[in-house]
Amino acid sequence: MQDDVKTTHPDITPDRVADWCLMRDTMRGQRSVKHAGIRYLPMPSGFKSMPDGGEEAYNKAYKLRAIVPELLAPSVAAMIGIIHAKETQITIPDALSSIWENADGEGMSLEAFHRRITRYLLWLGRYGVLTTAPMEGGEPFLAGYAGDSIINWDRDFFVLDESGKKRSGFEWKDNPKFRVLELVDGLYVSTVYEGESLDTVTVTGPVALGGQRLDFVPFYVGNARDVVSAIETPPLIGIANAIINAYQLSADWRWQLFMSGQETLVAINGEAPKTVGAGVVHQMMGNDTVTPDLKYVSPTCSGIEAHEAAIEKQVEAAVMAGARMFEQEKSTQESGEARRLRFASETANLQSISQVSAALLERGLKAAARMKGLDDSDIVVTPPKDLLDSTMSAADFAQLFTVYTQGGMSWETFYERGQAGGIFSPERDADEEYALIDPEGTEDEQRAALV
């Protein structure tokens, strides 16, 4: 019965698992990719005819010389920097202030935890946030789960794979562990199965302040586009694929370069020399019908330049795959509903990941507030609207002002666009700015005075 907890959701297909493995290996870098062996670098067919099946030539020459471009980790780091360069507005009541400096129960700040959410959304395309509290009592905190550790789910039901290493004295041993989160008779229950046979079972019914049982599962999952449990292809899979393509081309290229310098001495119509080198004389005798010859031959390696060009193209492909993440909303004329549907069907970009990251954090914090008996409406996490530099030029602002003065848009819309373009202060709202421009009062106040 306990083994059933390992059952995975139908959406976790071999292809999905392969995508996650690829993202993890390319994120870790060259050693991890090469450790996977023929999964990413097939053995050339000619190697298999060697006495040892080509194992030595493959491992100690072909694979060893190949270069794995380190592109994914720097790309993810750069995108995290862009997403979090502008401040995310987080509003938390004083009663929950301890979570600022200890978001995960182990001393990680809330800002660092938020960056971790963003990192996994960019990297694996999926992340989960569980709001929990110490069994012996204490402040609630947030626990994060990588997308591939969420192995089963349904409405108000989740199975999390927490397997890893566990210390026993001085040794660290594998420790299978699975956590089931569900509603039982309308109340939240957390069940942990642990051990080689998963026969160590711990059942808890987490409670809110005052001992009241929770009637919801405080676990939230998001992908790179929305706060839903559905699995999406990792948004940076294009970079990972280009890395593997460049790695394979590099292996062939380096092998050709090596072979081009390995000339072979060939004796034609004569006895092969027993020794070669400087000062060695070898005489070959011929006759009227046989012409002897002794010479070095080497591969032409005509594909070296083609391989170099192909490697450059793969690196460019990786750059382009990352660049697509910077695409912003189009400025074409379309309704809000049409825009929403279009963006729901497009691939994720930095803006969508920023929004999902903030939404996951907000839901986790709201659950923490409910655990403490607080009003969760006081919790607000607002991501920046424009991640990339959107500074408005003087000419653009002048055109926008003309549209406003001619009645083409409201003062609020004009102010919002000017604020996004860096013209107006982000510290003031539209009414406060209008009051500074016209000391007689805001537009609403003037209208009220005329009535």
Protein backbone atom coordinates (compact mmCIF):
# COMPACT_ATOMS: atom_id res chain seq x y z
CA MET A 1 0.00 0.00 0.00
CA GLN A 2 2.81 2.39 0.89
CA ASP A 3 4.41 1.92 -2.54
CA ASP A 4 1.30 3.44 -4.11
CA VAL A 5 2.44 6.83 -2.84
CA LYS A 6 5.16 6.75 -5.52
CA THR A 7 2.54 6.72 -8.28
CA THR A 8 3.00 9.68 -10.61
CA HIS A 9 0.46 11.86 -12.37
CA PRO A 10 -0.37 10.85 -15.99
CA ASP A 11 1.09 14.17 -17.21
CA ILE A 12 4.55 13.18 -15.96
CA THR A 13 5.56 11.37 -19.14
CA PRO A 14 9.05 10.10 -20.07
CA ASP A 15 9.45 13.18 -22.29
CA ARG A 16 8.68 15.51 -19.37
CA VAL A 17 11.17 13.69 -17.17
CA ALA A 18 13.78 13.91 -19.96
CA ASP A 19 13.20 17.68 -20.20
CA TRP A 20 13.78 18.11 -16.47
CA CYS A 21 16.92 15.93 -16.59
CA LEU A 22 18.23 17.99 -19.49
CA MET A 23 17.60 21.27 -17.65
CA ARG A 24 19.28 20.00 -14.49
CA ASP A 25 22.34 18.63 -16.32
CA THR A 26 22.92 21.73 -18.46
CA MET A 27 22.42 23.97 -15.41
CA ARG A 28 25.08 22.06 -13.47
CA GLY A 29 27.48 22.35 -16.38
CA GLN A 30 30.04 20.34 -18.29
CA ARG A 31 30.78 17.59 -15.75
CA SER A 32 27.13 16.72 -15.28
CA VAL A 33 26.46 16.64 -19.03
CA LYS A 34 29.48 14.44 -19.71
CA HIS A 35 28.62 12.15 -16.81
CA ALA A 36 25.38 11.29 -18.66
CA GLY A 37 27.52 9.64 -21.37
CA ILE A 38 25.74 8.47 -24.52
CA ARG A 39 22.45 10.08 -23.43
CA TYR A 40 23.72 13.36 -24.87
CA LEU A 41 26.78 12.22 -26.87
CA PRO A 42 26.25 9.04 -28.92
CA MET A 43 29.31 6.91 -29.64
CA PRO A 44 30.43 7.09 -33.31
CA SER A 45 29.72 3.82 -35.12
CA GLY A 46 33.39 3.34 -36.04
CA PHE A 47 34.39 3.17 -32.38
CA LYS A 48 32.32 0.04 -31.78
CA SER A 49 34.59 -2.07 -34.02
CA MET A 50 37.52 -1.53 -31.65
CA PRO A 51 38.57 -4.46 -29.39
CA ASP A 52 37.02 -2.89 -26.26
CA GLY A 53 33.92 -1.70 -28.08
CA GLY A 54 35.33 1.81 -28.28
CA GLU A 55 34.94 2.57 -24.56
CA GLU A 56 38.48 3.88 -24.04
CA ALA A 57 38.55 6.00 -27.21
CA TYR A 58 35.09 7.36 -26.41
CA ASN A 59 35.71 8.23 -22.74
CA LYS A 60 39.39 9.22 -22.82
CA ALA A 61 39.48 11.03 -26.14
CA TYR A 62 36.19 11.74 -27.95
CA LYS A 63 34.10 12.78 -24.91
CA LEU A 64 37.00 14.17 -22.89
CA ARG A 65 38.02 16.70 -25.56
CA ALA A 66 34.48 17.92 -26.28
CA ILE A 67 33.39 21.30 -24.89
CA VAL A 68 30.01 21.89 -23.23
CA PRO A 69 29.11 25.61 -23.47
CA GLU A 70 28.26 27.07 -20.05
CA LEU A 71 25.26 29.12 -21.15
CA LEU A 72 22.24 28.18 -19.06
CA ALA A 73 23.39 29.15 -15.55
CA PRO A 74 24.59 32.65 -16.60
CA SER A 75 21.35 33.19 -18.56
CA VAL A 76 19.18 32.28 -15.57
CA ALA A 77 21.26 34.47 -13.25
CA ALA A 78 20.99 37.43 -15.63
CA MET A 79 17.21 37.05 -15.96
CA ILE A 80 16.77 36.82 -12.20
CA GLY A 81 18.74 40.05 -11.95
CA ILE A 82 16.45 41.76 -14.45
CA ILE A 83 13.22 40.52 -12.82
CA HIS A 84 14.32 41.58 -9.33
CA ALA A 85 16.19 44.75 -10.31
CA LYS A 86 12.99 46.71 -9.76
CA GLU A 87 11.42 46.45 -6.35
CA THR A 88 8.45 44.15 -5.80
CA GLN A 89 5.98 45.82 -3.44
CA ILE A 90 5.21 43.44 -0.56
CA THR A 91 2.69 44.43 2.12
CA ILE A 92 2.66 42.29 5.28
CA PRO A 93 0.95 43.04 8.63
CA ASP A 94 3.19 43.56 11.65
CA ALA A 95 1.98 40.32 13.22
CA LEU A 96 3.71 38.43 10.39
CA SER A 97 6.87 40.56 10.31
CA SER A 98 9.16 37.70 11.42
CA ILE A 99 8.78 36.13 7.98
CA TRP A 100 10.83 38.98 6.46
CA GLU A 101 14.04 37.57 7.91
CA ASN A 102 13.04 33.91 8.22
CA ALA A 103 10.83 32.97 5.30
CA ASP A 104 11.72 29.26 5.14
CA GLY A 105 12.20 28.44 8.81
CA GLU A 106 15.96 28.16 8.29
CA GLY A 107 16.94 31.82 8.18
CA MET A 108 16.38 32.63 4.50
CA SER A 109 15.05 36.14 3.95
CA LEU A 110 11.74 36.67 2.17
CA GLU A 111 13.53 38.44 -0.69
CA ALA A 112 15.89 35.49 -1.17
CA PHE A 113 12.96 33.06 -1.09
CA HIS A 114 11.20 35.14 -3.74
CA ARG A 115 14.30 34.97 -5.94
CA ARG A 116 14.37 31.20 -5.47
CA ILE A 117 10.80 30.94 -6.79
CA THR A 118 11.81 32.96 -9.84
CA ARG A 119 14.93 30.84 -10.37
CA TYR A 120 13.01 27.57 -10.52
CA LEU A 121 10.29 29.01 -12.76
CA LEU A 122 13.00 30.07 -15.22
CA TRP A 123 14.99 26.86 -14.83
CA LEU A 124 12.49 23.98 -14.58
CA GLY A 125 9.35 25.92 -15.48
CA ARG A 126 7.46 24.87 -12.33
CA TYR A 127 7.56 25.48 -8.57
CA GLY A 128 5.47 24.81 -5.49
CA VAL A 129 5.14 26.74 -2.21
CA LEU A 130 3.89 25.06 0.96
CA THR A 131 2.92 27.13 4.00
CA THR A 132 3.57 25.21 7.18
CA ALA A 133 4.65 25.65 10.80
CA PRO A 134 6.79 23.74 13.33
CA MET A 135 4.96 20.76 14.87
CA GLU A 136 5.92 21.95 18.33
CA GLY A 137 4.44 25.37 17.60
CA GLY A 138 5.89 28.61 16.31
CA GLU A 139 5.70 31.07 13.45
CA PRO A 140 4.49 29.79 10.04
CA PHE A 141 7.04 29.63 7.24
CA LEU A 142 7.26 28.78 3.54
CA ALA A 143 8.77 25.60 2.06
CA GLY A 144 9.67 25.44 -1.62
CA TYR A 145 9.43 22.45 -3.97
CA ALA A 146 11.07 22.05 -7.38
CA GLY A 147 8.64 21.24 -10.18
CA ASP A 148 9.88 17.68 -10.66
CA SER A 149 9.35 16.85 -6.96
CA ILE A 150 5.58 17.42 -7.28
CA ILE A 151 4.79 13.93 -8.56
CA ASN A 152 1.00 13.69 -8.21
CA TRP A 153 -1.86 16.12 -7.82
CA ASP A 154 -5.58 16.70 -8.06
CA ARG A 155 -8.02 19.12 -6.53
CA ASP A 156 -6.99 19.53 -2.87
CA PHE A 157 -4.50 16.66 -3.21
CA PHE A 158 -0.72 16.71 -3.74
CA VAL A 159 2.12 14.20 -3.39
CA LEU A 160 5.62 15.61 -2.89
CA ASP A 161 8.83 13.62 -3.28
CA GLU A 162 11.14 14.70 -0.44
CA SER A 163 13.63 11.83 -0.88
CA GLY A 164 17.27 12.65 -0.29
CA LYS A 165 20.22 11.96 1.96
CA LYS A 166 19.77 11.55 5.72
CA ARG A 167 22.62 11.57 8.22
CA SER A 168 23.09 8.59 10.50
CA GLY A 169 26.06 9.28 12.75
CA PHE A 170 28.87 10.19 10.37
CA GLU A 171 27.25 8.54 7.35
CA TRP A 172 24.77 9.96 4.89
CA LYS A 173 22.34 7.40 3.51
CA ASP A 174 19.56 7.49 0.92
CA ASN A 175 16.22 8.18 2.57
CA PRO A 176 13.02 7.67 0.54
CA LYS A 177 10.39 10.14 1.75
CA PHE A 178 7.03 11.24 0.37
CA ARG A 179 4.57 13.80 1.74
CA VAL A 180 0.85 13.67 0.95
CA LEU A 181 -1.23 16.84 1.36
CA GLU A 182 -5.00 16.43 1.18
CA LEU A 183 -8.39 17.29 2.61
CA VAL A 184 -9.93 14.49 4.68
CA ASP A 185 -13.56 15.12 5.64
CA GLY A 186 -12.99 18.76 4.75
CA LEU A 187 -9.94 19.19 6.98
CA TYR A 188 -6.27 19.50 5.98
CA VAL A 189 -4.07 16.48 6.70
CA SER A 190 -0.35 16.02 6.00
CA THR A 191 0.93 12.42 5.86
CA VAL A 192 4.63 11.54 5.55
CA TYR A 193 5.85 8.11 4.37
CA GLU A 194 9.53 7.51 5.09
CA GLY A 195 12.16 4.76 5.11
CA GLU A 196 13.27 1.97 2.78
CA SER A 197 9.84 0.34 2.90
CA LEU A 198 8.01 3.64 3.45
CA ASP A 199 6.62 2.05 6.61
CA THR A 200 7.36 4.99 8.90
CA VAL A 201 4.13 6.97 8.65
CA THR A 202 3.53 10.32 10.34
CA VAL A 203 0.08 11.88 10.14
CA THR A 204 -0.51 15.46 11.26
CA GLY A 205 -3.45 17.81 11.12
CA PRO A 206 -1.91 21.30 11.05
CA VAL A 207 -3.91 23.89 12.94
CA ALA A 208 -4.30 27.64 12.89
CA LEU A 209 -3.95 30.00 15.84
CA GLY A 210 -6.30 28.92 18.60
CA GLY A 211 -6.18 25.25 17.67
CA GLN A 212 -8.66 25.46 14.79
CA ARG A 213 -8.06 22.91 11.99
CA LEU A 214 -7.41 24.23 8.48
CA ASP A 215 -10.09 23.66 5.86
CA PHE A 216 -7.76 24.20 2.89
CA VAL A 217 -4.49 22.75 1.58
CA PRO A 218 -1.87 25.54 1.90
CA PHE A 219 0.12 24.42 -1.15
CA TYR A 220 0.33 26.40 -4.38
CA VAL A 221 1.88 25.43 -7.71
CA GLY A 222 2.76 27.62 -10.67
CA ASN A 223 4.37 27.20 -14.06
CA ALA A 224 6.07 29.87 -16.14
CA ARG A 225 2.73 31.29 -17.32
CA ASP A 226 0.14 30.85 -14.58
CA VAL A 227 -0.55 29.67 -11.03
CA VAL A 228 -1.78 26.19 -11.98
CA SER A 229 -0.54 22.63 -11.46
CA ALA A 230 -0.29 21.89 -15.19
CA ILE A 231 3.20 21.07 -16.47
CA GLU A 232 4.68 23.39 -19.09
CA THR A 233 7.84 22.92 -21.11
CA PRO A 234 10.68 24.74 -19.29
CA PRO A 235 10.89 28.24 -20.80
CA LEU A 236 14.66 28.01 -21.40
CA ILE A 237 14.61 24.53 -22.97
CA GLY A 238 15.82 26.12 -26.22
CA ILE A 239 19.09 27.14 -24.55
CA ALA A 240 19.55 23.62 -23.14
CA ASN A 241 18.93 22.00 -26.53
CA ALA A 242 21.41 24.35 -28.21
CA ILE A 243 24.01 23.50 -25.55
CA ILE A 244 23.71 19.78 -26.31
CA ASN A 245 23.84 20.38 -30.06
CA ALA A 246 27.00 22.46 -29.66
CA TYR A 247 28.49 19.77 -27.39
CA GLN A 248 27.92 17.05 -30.00
CA LEU A 249 29.39 19.18 -32.77
CA SER A 250 32.34 20.07 -30.55
CA ALA A 251 33.14 16.38 -30.00
CA ASP A 252 33.28 15.74 -33.76
CA TRP A 253 35.25 18.94 -34.36
CA ARG A 254 37.87 18.24 -31.69
CA TRP A 255 38.19 14.63 -32.89
CA GLN A 256 38.85 15.81 -36.44
CA LEU A 257 41.41 18.32 -35.22
CA PHE A 258 43.21 15.56 -33.30
CA MET A 259 43.12 13.12 -36.20
CA SER A 260 44.40 15.76 -38.65
CA GLY A 261 47.73 15.75 -36.80
CA GLN A 262 48.02 11.97 -36.58
CA GLU A 263 49.78 11.01 -39.84
CA THR A 264 50.23 7.33 -40.72
CA LEU A 265 53.33 5.93 -42.45
CA VAL A 266 52.37 3.77 -45.44
CA ALA A 267 54.75 1.43 -47.30
CA ILE A 268 53.65 0.64 -50.85
CA ASN A 269 55.14 -2.32 -52.71
CA GLY A 270 57.81 -2.79 -50.11
CA GLU A 271 58.62 -3.90 -46.61
CA ALA A 272 57.46 -1.64 -43.82
CA PRO A 273 60.27 -0.09 -41.74
CA LYS A 274 60.83 -1.47 -38.25
CA THR A 275 61.81 1.95 -36.89
CA VAL A 276 61.21 5.49 -38.07
CA GLY A 277 62.57 8.88 -37.08
CA ALA A 278 65.48 11.23 -37.63
CA GLY A 279 68.65 9.46 -38.76
CA VAL A 280 66.89 6.24 -39.71
CA VAL A 281 67.50 5.09 -43.29
CA HIS A 282 65.05 2.72 -44.92
CA GLN A 283 65.71 1.37 -48.37
CA MET A 284 62.93 0.11 -50.61
CA MET A 285 63.84 -1.81 -53.77
CA GLY A 286 61.75 -1.84 -56.90
CA ASN A 287 61.95 -3.20 -60.44
CA ASP A 288 60.62 -2.48 -63.90
CA THR A 289 57.09 -3.54 -62.98
CA VAL A 290 56.82 -2.46 -59.34
CA THR A 291 57.32 1.05 -58.04
CA PRO A 292 57.84 1.19 -54.28
CA ASP A 293 56.82 4.16 -52.19
CA LEU A 294 57.00 5.20 -48.54
CA LYS A 295 54.95 8.18 -47.36
CA TYR A 296 52.80 9.68 -44.61
CA VAL A 297 49.06 10.02 -45.15
CA SER A 298 46.50 11.84 -42.98
CA PRO A 299 42.74 12.51 -43.06
CA THR A 300 41.67 15.47 -45.16
CA CYS A 301 39.35 16.65 -42.33
CA SER A 302 37.43 18.71 -44.83
CA GLY A 303 34.53 19.13 -42.39
CA ILE A 304 36.44 21.09 -39.75
CA GLU A 305 35.36 24.51 -41.00
CA ALA A 306 31.77 23.34 -41.45
CA HIS A 307 31.73 22.11 -37.86
CA GLU A 308 33.12 25.43 -36.61
CA ALA A 309 30.34 27.29 -38.41
CA ALA A 310 27.71 24.89 -37.06
CA ILE A 311 28.95 25.34 -33.48
CA GLU A 312 28.71 29.12 -33.84
CA LYS A 313 25.15 28.76 -35.10
CA GLN A 314 24.17 26.67 -32.08
CA VAL A 315 25.61 29.26 -29.70
CA GLU A 316 23.62 31.91 -31.58
CA ALA A 317 20.52 29.71 -31.28
CA ALA A 318 21.02 29.57 -27.51
CA VAL A 319 21.29 33.35 -27.36
CA MET A 320 18.12 33.74 -29.44
CA ALA A 321 16.25 31.26 -27.23
CA GLY A 322 17.12 33.42 -24.24
CA ALA A 323 16.30 36.64 -26.08
CA ARG A 324 12.72 35.47 -26.68
CA MET A 325 12.18 35.70 -22.93
CA PHE A 326 12.58 39.48 -23.21
CA GLU A 327 9.62 39.90 -25.57
CA GLN A 328 7.07 42.33 -24.21
CA GLU A 329 3.42 42.90 -25.01
CA LYS A 330 2.76 44.09 -28.54
CA SER A 331 1.50 47.61 -29.01
CA THR A 332 -1.11 46.72 -31.63
CA GLN A 333 -4.69 47.89 -31.15
CA GLU A 334 -6.66 45.04 -29.58
CA SER A 335 -9.18 44.58 -26.82
CA GLY A 336 -8.15 43.59 -23.33
CA GLU A 337 -9.82 40.18 -23.74
CA ALA A 338 -8.10 39.56 -27.08
CA ARG A 339 -4.76 40.51 -25.53
CA ARG A 340 -5.38 38.19 -22.58
CA LEU A 341 -6.22 35.24 -24.85
CA ARG A 342 -3.23 35.92 -27.10
CA PHE A 343 -0.79 35.99 -24.22
CA ALA A 344 -2.32 32.87 -22.70
CA SER A 345 -1.44 31.01 -25.91
CA GLU A 346 2.10 32.36 -26.25
CA THR A 347 5.24 31.14 -24.58
CA ALA A 348 6.32 32.53 -21.24
CA ASN A 349 8.37 35.71 -21.00
CA LEU A 350 10.08 37.52 -18.16
CA GLN A 351 6.94 39.50 -17.37
CA SER A 352 4.75 36.40 -17.00
CA ILE A 353 7.37 34.67 -14.84
CA SER A 354 7.64 37.77 -12.64
CA GLN A 355 3.87 37.80 -12.19
CA VAL A 356 3.63 34.08 -11.38
CA SER A 357 6.54 34.34 -8.94
CA ALA A 358 4.82 37.20 -7.11
CA ALA A 359 1.46 35.40 -7.14
CA LEU A 360 2.95 32.23 -5.62
CA LEU A 361 4.62 34.26 -2.90
CA GLU A 362 1.41 36.17 -2.20
CA ARG A 363 -0.66 32.98 -1.87
CA GLY A 364 1.89 31.44 0.45
CA LEU A 365 1.89 34.56 2.63
CA LYS A 366 -1.91 34.72 2.66
CA ALA A 367 -1.99 31.14 3.93
CA ALA A 368 0.49 32.12 6.66
CA ALA A 369 -1.79 35.00 7.64
CA ARG A 370 -4.80 32.68 7.88
CA MET A 371 -2.80 30.29 10.06
CA LYS A 372 -2.22 33.17 12.47
CA GLY A 373 -5.86 34.22 12.40
CA LEU A 374 -5.11 37.39 10.41
CA ASP A 375 -7.04 38.97 7.56
CA ASP A 376 -5.32 37.71 4.41
CA SER A 377 -6.60 40.69 2.41
CA ASP A 378 -3.83 42.70 4.10
CA ILE A 379 -1.25 40.65 2.17
CA VAL A 380 -0.36 42.16 -1.21
CA VAL A 381 2.58 41.30 -3.48
CA THR A 382 2.81 43.56 -6.54
CA PRO A 383 5.50 42.85 -9.16
CA PRO A 384 6.93 45.69 -11.28
CA LYS A 385 4.88 46.40 -14.40
CA ASP A 386 7.79 46.99 -16.78
CA LEU A 387 10.94 44.95 -16.26
CA LEU A 388 12.99 46.37 -19.10
CA ASP A 389 14.08 49.99 -19.33
CA SER A 390 11.08 51.91 -20.61
CA THR A 391 12.31 55.47 -20.17
CA MET A 392 10.14 57.79 -22.25
CA SER A 393 11.78 60.33 -24.51
CA ALA A 394 10.80 64.01 -24.38
CA ALA A 395 9.24 63.73 -27.85
CA ASP A 396 7.13 60.73 -26.83
CA PHE A 397 5.97 62.51 -23.69
CA ALA A 398 5.03 65.59 -25.70
CA GLN A 399 2.92 63.47 -28.05
CA LEU A 400 1.27 61.76 -25.09
CA PHE A 401 0.52 65.15 -23.52
CA THR A 402 -1.10 66.32 -26.76
CA VAL A 403 -3.40 63.30 -26.75
CA TYR A 404 -4.33 64.05 -23.13
CA THR A 405 -5.02 67.76 -23.69
CA GLN A 406 -7.20 66.92 -26.70
CA GLY A 407 -9.34 64.60 -24.59
CA GLY A 408 -7.94 61.38 -26.02
CA MET A 409 -7.21 59.88 -22.60
CA SER A 410 -7.92 60.54 -18.93
CA TRP A 411 -5.48 62.19 -16.56
CA GLU A 412 -5.10 58.88 -14.72
CA THR A 413 -4.09 57.03 -17.90
CA PHE A 414 -1.76 59.83 -18.94
CA TYR A 415 -0.12 59.83 -15.51
CA GLU A 416 0.23 56.04 -15.45
CA ARG A 417 2.00 56.02 -18.83
CA GLY A 418 4.22 58.93 -17.81
CA GLN A 419 5.08 57.21 -14.55
CA ALA A 420 5.97 53.98 -16.39
CA GLY A 421 8.20 56.03 -18.68
CA GLY A 422 10.12 57.54 -15.79
CA ILE A 423 8.64 61.04 -16.16
CA PHE A 424 6.54 61.15 -12.98
CA SER A 425 7.68 60.07 -9.53
CA PRO A 426 6.81 56.47 -8.57
CA GLU A 427 6.17 57.71 -5.01
CA ARG A 428 3.01 59.68 -5.91
CA ASP A 429 -0.36 58.68 -7.34
CA ALA A 430 -2.26 60.60 -10.02
CA ASP A 431 -4.23 62.77 -7.57
CA GLU A 432 -1.13 63.74 -5.58
CA GLU A 433 0.68 64.75 -8.77
CA TYR A 434 -2.32 66.76 -9.98
CA ALA A 435 -2.47 68.58 -6.65
CA LEU A 436 1.15 69.64 -7.09
CA ILE A 437 0.44 70.91 -10.60
CA ASP A 438 -2.76 72.72 -9.55
CA PRO A 439 -2.69 73.85 -5.90
CA GLU A 440 -6.43 74.50 -6.03
CA GLY A 441 -7.07 70.77 -5.64
CA THR A 442 -7.42 67.57 -7.56
CA GLU A 443 -9.65 67.17 -10.57
CA ASP A 444 -12.28 65.37 -8.44
CA GLU A 445 -12.13 68.07 -5.76
CA GLN A 446 -12.64 70.80 -8.34
CA ARG A 447 -15.65 68.97 -9.79
CA ALA A 448 -17.11 68.58 -6.29
CA ALA A 449 -16.66 72.31 -5.64
CA LEU A 450 -18.64 73.16 -8.78
CA VAL A 451 -21.65 71.05 -7.80
